[in-house]
Amino acid sequence: RTSLVMPALTRAWPEADFFAPDRVYGAEDLGYRG
């Protein structure tokens, strides 16, 4: 299983497909509230 965890990603990132991820985690997906 492959994933990209991108803590500063706040917009669409079509280039992610090149890295073949099953899941991309952007800033909102991390659930950070600090």
All heavy atoms as atom14 arrays in JSON, in Angstrom:
{
  "sequence": "RTSLVMPALTRAWPEADFFAPDRVYGAEDLGYRG",
  "atom14_mask": [
    [1, 1, 1, 1, 1, 1, 1, 1, 1, 1, 1, 0, 0, 0],
    [1, 1, 1, 1, 1, 1, 1, 0, 0, 0, 0, 0, 0, 0],
    [1, 1, 1, 1, 1, 1, 0, 0, 0, 0, 0, 0, 0, 0],
    [1, 1, 1, 1, 1, 1, 1, 1, 0, 0, 0, 0, 0, 0],
    [1, 1, 1, 1, 1, 1, 1, 0, 0, 0, 0, 0, 0, 0],
    [1, 1, 1, 1, 1, 1, 1, 1, 0, 0, 0, 0, 0, 0],
    [1, 1, 1, 1, 1, 1, 1, 0, 0, 0, 0, 0, 0, 0],
    [1, 1, 1, 1, 1, 0, 0, 0, 0, 0, 0, 0, 0, 0],
    [1, 1, 1, 1, 1, 1, 1, 1, 0, 0, 0, 0, 0, 0],
    [1, 1, 1, 1, 1, 1, 1, 0, 0, 0, 0, 0, 0, 0],
    [1, 1, 1, 1, 1, 1, 1, 1, 1, 1, 1, 0, 0, 0],
    [1, 1, 1, 1, 1, 0, 0, 0, 0, 0, 0, 0, 0, 0],
    [1, 1, 1, 1, 1, 1, 1, 1, 1, 1, 1, 1, 1, 1],
    [1, 1, 1, 1, 1, 1, 1, 0, 0, 0, 0, 0, 0, 0],
    [1, 1, 1, 1, 1, 1, 1, 1, 1, 0, 0, 0, 0, 0],
    [1, 1, 1, 1, 1, 0, 0, 0, 0, 0, 0, 0, 0, 0],
    [1, 1, 1, 1, 1, 1, 1, 1, 0, 0, 0, 0, 0, 0],
    [1, 1, 1, 1, 1, 1, 1, 1, 1, 1, 1, 0, 0, 0],
    [1, 1, 1, 1, 1, 1, 1, 1, 1, 1, 1, 0, 0, 0],
    [1, 1, 1, 1, 1, 0, 0, 0, 0, 0, 0, 0, 0, 0],
    [1, 1, 1, 1, 1, 1, 1, 0, 0, 0, 0, 0, 0, 0],
    [1, 1, 1, 1, 1, 1, 1, 1, 0, 0, 0, 0, 0, 0],
    [1, 1, 1, 1, 1, 1, 1, 1, 1, 1, 1, 0, 0, 0],
    [1, 1, 1, 1, 1, 1, 1, 0, 0, 0, 0, 0, 0, 0],
    [1, 1, 1, 1, 1, 1, 1, 1, 1, 1, 1, 1, 0, 0],
    [1, 1, 1, 1, 0, 0, 0, 0, 0, 0, 0, 0, 0, 0],
    [1, 1, 1, 1, 1, 0, 0, 0, 0, 0, 0, 0, 0, 0],
    [1, 1, 1, 1, 1, 1, 1, 1, 1, 0, 0, 0, 0, 0],
    [1, 1, 1, 1, 1, 1, 1, 1, 0, 0, 0, 0, 0, 0],
    [1, 1, 1, 1, 1, 1, 1, 1, 0, 0, 0, 0, 0, 0],
    [1, 1, 1, 1, 0, 0, 0, 0, 0, 0, 0, 0, 0, 0],
    [1, 1, 1, 1, 1, 1, 1, 1, 1, 1, 1, 1, 0, 0],
    [1, 1, 1, 1, 1, 1, 1, 1, 1, 1, 1, 0, 0, 0],
    [1, 1, 1, 1, 0, 0, 0, 0, 0, 0, 0, 0, 0, 0]
  ],
  "atom14_positions": [
    [[0.87, -1.17, 0.0], [0.0, 0.0, 0.0], [0.91, 1.23, 0.0], [1.92, 1.27, 0.73], [-0.91, 0.01, 1.23], [-1.74, 1.29, 1.38], [-2.67, 1.21, 2.57], [-3.28, 2.49, 2.86], [-4.32, 3.02, 2.22], [-4.88, 2.34, 1.21], [-4.81, 4.2, 2.56], [0.0, 0.0, 0.0], [0.0, 0.0, 0.0], [0.0, 0.0, 0.0]],
    [[0.6, 2.24, -0.8], [1.46, 3.42, -0.89], [0.68, 4.66, -0.48], [-0.52, 4.79, -0.78], [1.99, 3.6, -2.32], [0.89, 3.65, -3.24], [2.9, 2.45, -2.71], [0.0, 0.0, 0.0], [0.0, 0.0, 0.0], [0.0, 0.0, 0.0], [0.0, 0.0, 0.0], [0.0, 0.0, 0.0], [0.0, 0.0, 0.0], [0.0, 0.0, 0.0]],
    [[1.37, 5.56, 0.19], [0.72, 6.81, 0.62], [1.7, 7.97, 0.54], [2.92, 7.79, 0.64], [0.17, 6.68, 2.04], [1.22, 6.49, 2.98], [0.0, 0.0, 0.0], [0.0, 0.0, 0.0], [0.0, 0.0, 0.0], [0.0, 0.0, 0.0], [0.0, 0.0, 0.0], [0.0, 0.0, 0.0], [0.0, 0.0, 0.0], [0.0, 0.0, 0.0]],
    [[1.14, 9.14, 0.34], [1.88, 10.4, 0.39], [1.28, 11.22, 1.51], [0.07, 11.48, 1.53], [1.75, 11.16, -0.93], [2.33, 10.51, -2.19], [1.94, 11.33, -3.42], [3.84, 10.4, -2.09], [0.0, 0.0, 0.0], [0.0, 0.0, 0.0], [0.0, 0.0, 0.0], [0.0, 0.0, 0.0], [0.0, 0.0, 0.0], [0.0, 0.0, 0.0]],
    [[2.11, 11.64, 2.45], [1.64, 12.47, 3.57], [2.23, 13.85, 3.36], [3.44, 14.07, 3.52], [2.09, 11.87, 4.92], [1.57, 12.73, 6.07], [1.62, 10.43, 5.05], [0.0, 0.0, 0.0], [0.0, 0.0, 0.0], [0.0, 0.0, 0.0], [0.0, 0.0, 0.0], [0.0, 0.0, 0.0], [0.0, 0.0, 0.0], [0.0, 0.0, 0.0]],
    [[1.38, 14.81, 3.0], [1.83, 16.14, 2.59], [1.25, 17.18, 3.54], [0.14, 17.7, 3.33], [1.38, 16.43, 1.16], [1.66, 15.29, 0.17], [3.42, 14.9, 0.04], [4.0, 16.33, -0.84], [0.0, 0.0, 0.0], [0.0, 0.0, 0.0], [0.0, 0.0, 0.0], [0.0, 0.0, 0.0], [0.0, 0.0, 0.0], [0.0, 0.0, 0.0]],
    [[1.95, 17.52, 4.62], [1.38, 18.38, 5.67], [1.09, 19.81, 5.26], [0.38, 20.52, 5.98], [2.44, 18.33, 6.77], [3.7, 17.93, 6.09], [3.3, 17.04, 4.96], [0.0, 0.0, 0.0], [0.0, 0.0, 0.0], [0.0, 0.0, 0.0], [0.0, 0.0, 0.0], [0.0, 0.0, 0.0], [0.0, 0.0, 0.0], [0.0, 0.0, 0.0]],
    [[1.63, 20.28, 4.13], [1.35, 21.65, 3.7], [0.47, 21.69, 2.46], [0.27, 22.77, 1.89], [2.65, 22.39, 3.42], [0.0, 0.0, 0.0], [0.0, 0.0, 0.0], [0.0, 0.0, 0.0], [0.0, 0.0, 0.0], [0.0, 0.0, 0.0], [0.0, 0.0, 0.0], [0.0, 0.0, 0.0], [0.0, 0.0, 0.0], [0.0, 0.0, 0.0]],
    [[-0.07, 20.56, 2.03], [-0.9, 20.5, 0.82], [-2.29, 21.02, 1.13], [-3.03, 20.42, 1.92], [-0.95, 19.07, 0.29], [-1.73, 18.86, -1.01], [-1.1, 19.61, -2.15], [-1.83, 17.37, -1.33], [0.0, 0.0, 0.0], [0.0, 0.0, 0.0], [0.0, 0.0, 0.0], [0.0, 0.0, 0.0], [0.0, 0.0, 0.0], [0.0, 0.0, 0.0]],
    [[-2.66, 22.11, 0.47], [-3.97, 22.72, 0.72], [-4.8, 22.88, -0.55], [-5.84, 23.51, -0.51], [-3.79, 24.1, 1.38], [-2.99, 24.93, 0.51], [-3.11, 23.99, 2.73], [0.0, 0.0, 0.0], [0.0, 0.0, 0.0], [0.0, 0.0, 0.0], [0.0, 0.0, 0.0], [0.0, 0.0, 0.0], [0.0, 0.0, 0.0], [0.0, 0.0, 0.0]],
    [[-4.35, 22.32, -1.66], [-5.08, 22.47, -2.92], [-4.92, 21.2, -3.74], [-4.21, 20.27, -3.35], [-4.55, 23.67, -3.7], [-3.04, 23.65, -3.9], [-2.56, 24.87, -4.66], [-1.12, 24.99, -4.7], [-0.3, 24.29, -5.47], [-0.81, 23.38, -6.29], [1.0, 24.48, -5.45], [0.0, 0.0, 0.0], [0.0, 0.0, 0.0], [0.0, 0.0, 0.0]],
    [[-5.59, 21.17, -4.88], [-5.49, 20.01, -5.76], [-4.04, 19.83, -6.22], [-3.33, 20.81, -6.47], [-6.41, 20.19, -6.96], [0.0, 0.0, 0.0], [0.0, 0.0, 0.0], [0.0, 0.0, 0.0], [0.0, 0.0, 0.0], [0.0, 0.0, 0.0], [0.0, 0.0, 0.0], [0.0, 0.0, 0.0], [0.0, 0.0, 0.0], [0.0, 0.0, 0.0]],
    [[-3.63, 18.58, -6.36], [-2.25, 18.27, -6.74], [-2.28, 17.13, -7.76], [-2.04, 15.97, -7.41], [-1.44, 17.91, -5.51], [0.02, 17.69, -5.78], [0.81, 18.37, -6.65], [0.85, 16.7, -5.17], [2.1, 17.88, -6.63], [2.15, 16.84, -5.72], [0.64, 15.71, -4.21], [3.22, 16.03, -5.34], [1.7, 14.91, -3.83], [2.97, 15.07, -4.39]],
    [[-2.57, 17.42, -9.0], [-2.68, 16.35, -10.0], [-1.39, 15.58, -10.22], [-1.41, 14.42, -10.63], [-3.11, 17.11, -11.27], [-2.72, 18.54, -11.03], [-2.86, 18.75, -9.57], [0.0, 0.0, 0.0], [0.0, 0.0, 0.0], [0.0, 0.0, 0.0], [0.0, 0.0, 0.0], [0.0, 0.0, 0.0], [0.0, 0.0, 0.0], [0.0, 0.0, 0.0]],
    [[-0.22, 16.21, -9.95], [1.05, 15.52, -10.13], [1.22, 14.33, -9.2], [2.1, 13.48, -9.4], [2.21, 16.49, -9.9], [2.29, 17.64, -10.89], [1.52, 18.87, -10.42], [0.64, 18.72, -9.52], [1.78, 19.96, -10.92], [0.0, 0.0, 0.0], [0.0, 0.0, 0.0], [0.0, 0.0, 0.0], [0.0, 0.0, 0.0], [0.0, 0.0, 0.0]],
    [[0.36, 14.23, -8.17], [0.49, 13.12, -7.22], [0.37, 11.77, -7.91], [0.97, 10.78, -7.48], [-0.58, 13.26, -6.14], [0.0, 0.0, 0.0], [0.0, 0.0, 0.0], [0.0, 0.0, 0.0], [0.0, 0.0, 0.0], [0.0, 0.0, 0.0], [0.0, 0.0, 0.0], [0.0, 0.0, 0.0], [0.0, 0.0, 0.0], [0.0, 0.0, 0.0]],
    [[-0.4, 11.69, -9.0], [-0.6, 10.41, -9.69], [0.72, 9.81, -10.16], [0.84, 8.58, -10.28], [-1.53, 10.59, -10.88], [-2.96, 10.91, -10.46], [-3.29, 10.66, -9.28], [-3.72, 11.44, -11.28], [0.0, 0.0, 0.0], [0.0, 0.0, 0.0], [0.0, 0.0, 0.0], [0.0, 0.0, 0.0], [0.0, 0.0, 0.0], [0.0, 0.0, 0.0]],
    [[1.7, 10.66, -10.45], [3.0, 10.16, -10.91], [3.65, 9.26, -9.86], [4.39, 8.33, -10.19], [3.91, 11.36, -11.22], [5.3, 10.99, -11.62], [5.56, 10.34, -12.82], [6.38, 11.31, -10.8], [6.86, 10.01, -13.19], [7.69, 10.99, -11.17], [7.92, 10.33, -12.37], [0.0, 0.0, 0.0], [0.0, 0.0, 0.0], [0.0, 0.0, 0.0]],
    [[3.37, 9.52, -8.58], [3.98, 8.77, -7.49], [3.13, 7.57, -7.06], [3.45, 6.92, -6.06], [4.23, 9.69, -6.3], [5.15, 10.84, -6.63], [4.63, 12.09, -6.96], [6.52, 10.67, -6.66], [5.47, 13.16, -7.3], [7.36, 11.72, -6.98], [6.83, 12.96, -7.31], [0.0, 0.0, 0.0], [0.0, 0.0, 0.0], [0.0, 0.0, 0.0]],
    [[2.09, 7.28, -7.79], [1.27, 6.06, -7.62], [0.79, 5.85, -6.19], [0.95, 4.75, -5.64], [2.06, 4.85, -8.11], [0.0, 0.0, 0.0], [0.0, 0.0, 0.0], [0.0, 0.0, 0.0], [0.0, 0.0, 0.0], [0.0, 0.0, 0.0], [0.0, 0.0, 0.0], [0.0, 0.0, 0.0], [0.0, 0.0, 0.0], [0.0, 0.0, 0.0]],
    [[0.19, 6.86, -5.55], [-0.27, 6.64, -4.18], [-1.66, 6.0, -4.14], [-2.52, 6.27, -4.98], [-0.33, 8.06, -3.62], [-0.71, 8.9, -4.81], [-0.06, 8.24, -6.01], [0.0, 0.0, 0.0], [0.0, 0.0, 0.0], [0.0, 0.0, 0.0], [0.0, 0.0, 0.0], [0.0, 0.0, 0.0], [0.0, 0.0, 0.0], [0.0, 0.0, 0.0]],
    [[-1.87, 5.14, -3.15], [-3.23, 4.69, -2.87], [-3.99, 5.77, -2.11], [-5.21, 5.86, -2.21], [-3.19, 3.41, -2.02], [-2.71, 2.22, -2.82], [-3.3, 1.94, -3.87], [-1.72, 1.58, -2.4], [0.0, 0.0, 0.0], [0.0, 0.0, 0.0], [0.0, 0.0, 0.0], [0.0, 0.0, 0.0], [0.0, 0.0, 0.0], [0.0, 0.0, 0.0]],
    [[-3.25, 6.61, -1.4], [-3.9, 7.67, -0.63], [-2.95, 8.85, -0.5], [-1.75, 8.68, -0.26], [-4.29, 7.16, 0.75], [-4.91, 8.19, 1.69], [-6.28, 8.65, 1.21], [-6.79, 9.78, 1.95], [-7.49, 9.69, 3.11], [-7.75, 8.5, 3.63], [-7.92, 10.78, 3.71], [0.0, 0.0, 0.0], [0.0, 0.0, 0.0], [0.0, 0.0, 0.0]],
    [[-3.49, 10.05, -0.67], [-2.75, 11.29, -0.43], [-3.38, 11.98, 0.77], [-4.59, 12.24, 0.78], [-2.79, 12.23, -1.66], [-2.07, 13.54, -1.34], [-2.18, 11.56, -2.88], [0.0, 0.0, 0.0], [0.0, 0.0, 0.0], [0.0, 0.0, 0.0], [0.0, 0.0, 0.0], [0.0, 0.0, 0.0], [0.0, 0.0, 0.0], [0.0, 0.0, 0.0]],
    [[-2.56, 12.27, 1.76], [-3.04, 12.98, 2.94], [-2.57, 14.43, 2.84], [-1.38, 14.72, 2.94], [-2.48, 12.35, 4.21], [-2.95, 10.93, 4.45], [-2.21, 9.85, 3.98], [-4.12, 10.67, 5.16], [-2.63, 8.54, 4.21], [-4.56, 9.37, 5.39], [-3.8, 8.31, 4.9], [-4.23, 7.02, 5.11], [0.0, 0.0, 0.0], [0.0, 0.0, 0.0]],
    [[-3.53, 15.35, 2.66], [-3.22, 16.77, 2.67], [-3.34, 17.33, 4.07], [-3.57, 16.61, 5.05], [0.0, 0.0, 0.0], [0.0, 0.0, 0.0], [0.0, 0.0, 0.0], [0.0, 0.0, 0.0], [0.0, 0.0, 0.0], [0.0, 0.0, 0.0], [0.0, 0.0, 0.0], [0.0, 0.0, 0.0], [0.0, 0.0, 0.0], [0.0, 0.0, 0.0]],
    [[-3.2, 18.64, 4.18], [-3.2, 19.28, 5.49], [-4.5, 19.0, 6.26], [-4.48, 18.69, 7.46], [-2.99, 20.79, 5.33], [0.0, 0.0, 0.0], [0.0, 0.0, 0.0], [0.0, 0.0, 0.0], [0.0, 0.0, 0.0], [0.0, 0.0, 0.0], [0.0, 0.0, 0.0], [0.0, 0.0, 0.0], [0.0, 0.0, 0.0], [0.0, 0.0, 0.0]],
    [[-5.63, 19.09, 5.59], [-6.91, 18.88, 6.27], [-7.09, 17.44, 6.72], [-7.75, 17.17, 7.71], [-8.06, 19.29, 5.34], [-8.26, 20.79, 5.24], [-8.61, 21.42, 6.59], [-9.45, 20.84, 7.31], [-8.04, 22.46, 6.92], [0.0, 0.0, 0.0], [0.0, 0.0, 0.0], [0.0, 0.0, 0.0], [0.0, 0.0, 0.0], [0.0, 0.0, 0.0]],
    [[-6.51, 16.51, 5.96], [-6.69, 15.1, 6.28], [-5.95, 14.68, 7.54], [-6.25, 13.63, 8.12], [-6.21, 14.23, 5.11], [-6.96, 14.54, 3.83], [-8.19, 14.63, 3.88], [-6.3, 14.71, 2.79], [0.0, 0.0, 0.0], [0.0, 0.0, 0.0], [0.0, 0.0, 0.0], [0.0, 0.0, 0.0], [0.0, 0.0, 0.0], [0.0, 0.0, 0.0]],
    [[-4.98, 15.46, 7.96], [-4.19, 15.08, 9.14], [-4.92, 15.37, 10.44], [-4.54, 14.86, 11.49], [-2.84, 15.81, 9.12], [-1.94, 15.55, 7.92], [-0.61, 16.27, 8.08], [-1.72, 14.06, 7.72], [0.0, 0.0, 0.0], [0.0, 0.0, 0.0], [0.0, 0.0, 0.0], [0.0, 0.0, 0.0], [0.0, 0.0, 0.0], [0.0, 0.0, 0.0]],
    [[-5.95, 16.22, 10.4], [-6.73, 16.5, 11.6], [-6.04, 17.4, 12.6], [-6.36, 17.36, 13.8], [0.0, 0.0, 0.0], [0.0, 0.0, 0.0], [0.0, 0.0, 0.0], [0.0, 0.0, 0.0], [0.0, 0.0, 0.0], [0.0, 0.0, 0.0], [0.0, 0.0, 0.0], [0.0, 0.0, 0.0], [0.0, 0.0, 0.0], [0.0, 0.0, 0.0]],
    [[-5.13, 18.22, 12.13], [-4.38, 19.08, 13.06], [-5.2, 20.31, 13.41], [-5.72, 21.01, 12.53], [-3.06, 19.5, 12.41], [-2.17, 20.33, 13.3], [-1.6, 19.77, 14.44], [-1.89, 21.66, 13.0], [-0.77, 20.52, 15.26], [-1.06, 22.41, 13.81], [-0.5, 21.84, 14.95], [0.31, 22.57, 15.76], [0.0, 0.0, 0.0], [0.0, 0.0, 0.0]],
    [[-5.28, 20.61, 14.7], [-6.05, 21.77, 15.17], [-5.21, 22.7, 16.05], [-5.74, 23.6, 16.69], [-7.28, 21.3, 15.96], [-8.26, 20.47, 15.14], [-8.87, 21.27, 14.01], [-9.78, 20.48, 13.19], [-9.44, 19.86, 12.07], [-8.18, 19.96, 11.62], [-10.31, 19.15, 11.41], [0.0, 0.0, 0.0], [0.0, 0.0, 0.0], [0.0, 0.0, 0.0]],
    [[-3.91, 22.51, 16.04], [-3.04, 23.36, 16.82], [-2.54, 24.53, 16.0], [-2.95, 24.75, 14.85], [0.0, 0.0, 0.0], [0.0, 0.0, 0.0], [0.0, 0.0, 0.0], [0.0, 0.0, 0.0], [0.0, 0.0, 0.0], [0.0, 0.0, 0.0], [0.0, 0.0, 0.0], [0.0, 0.0, 0.0], [0.0, 0.0, 0.0], [0.0, 0.0, 0.0]]
  ]
}
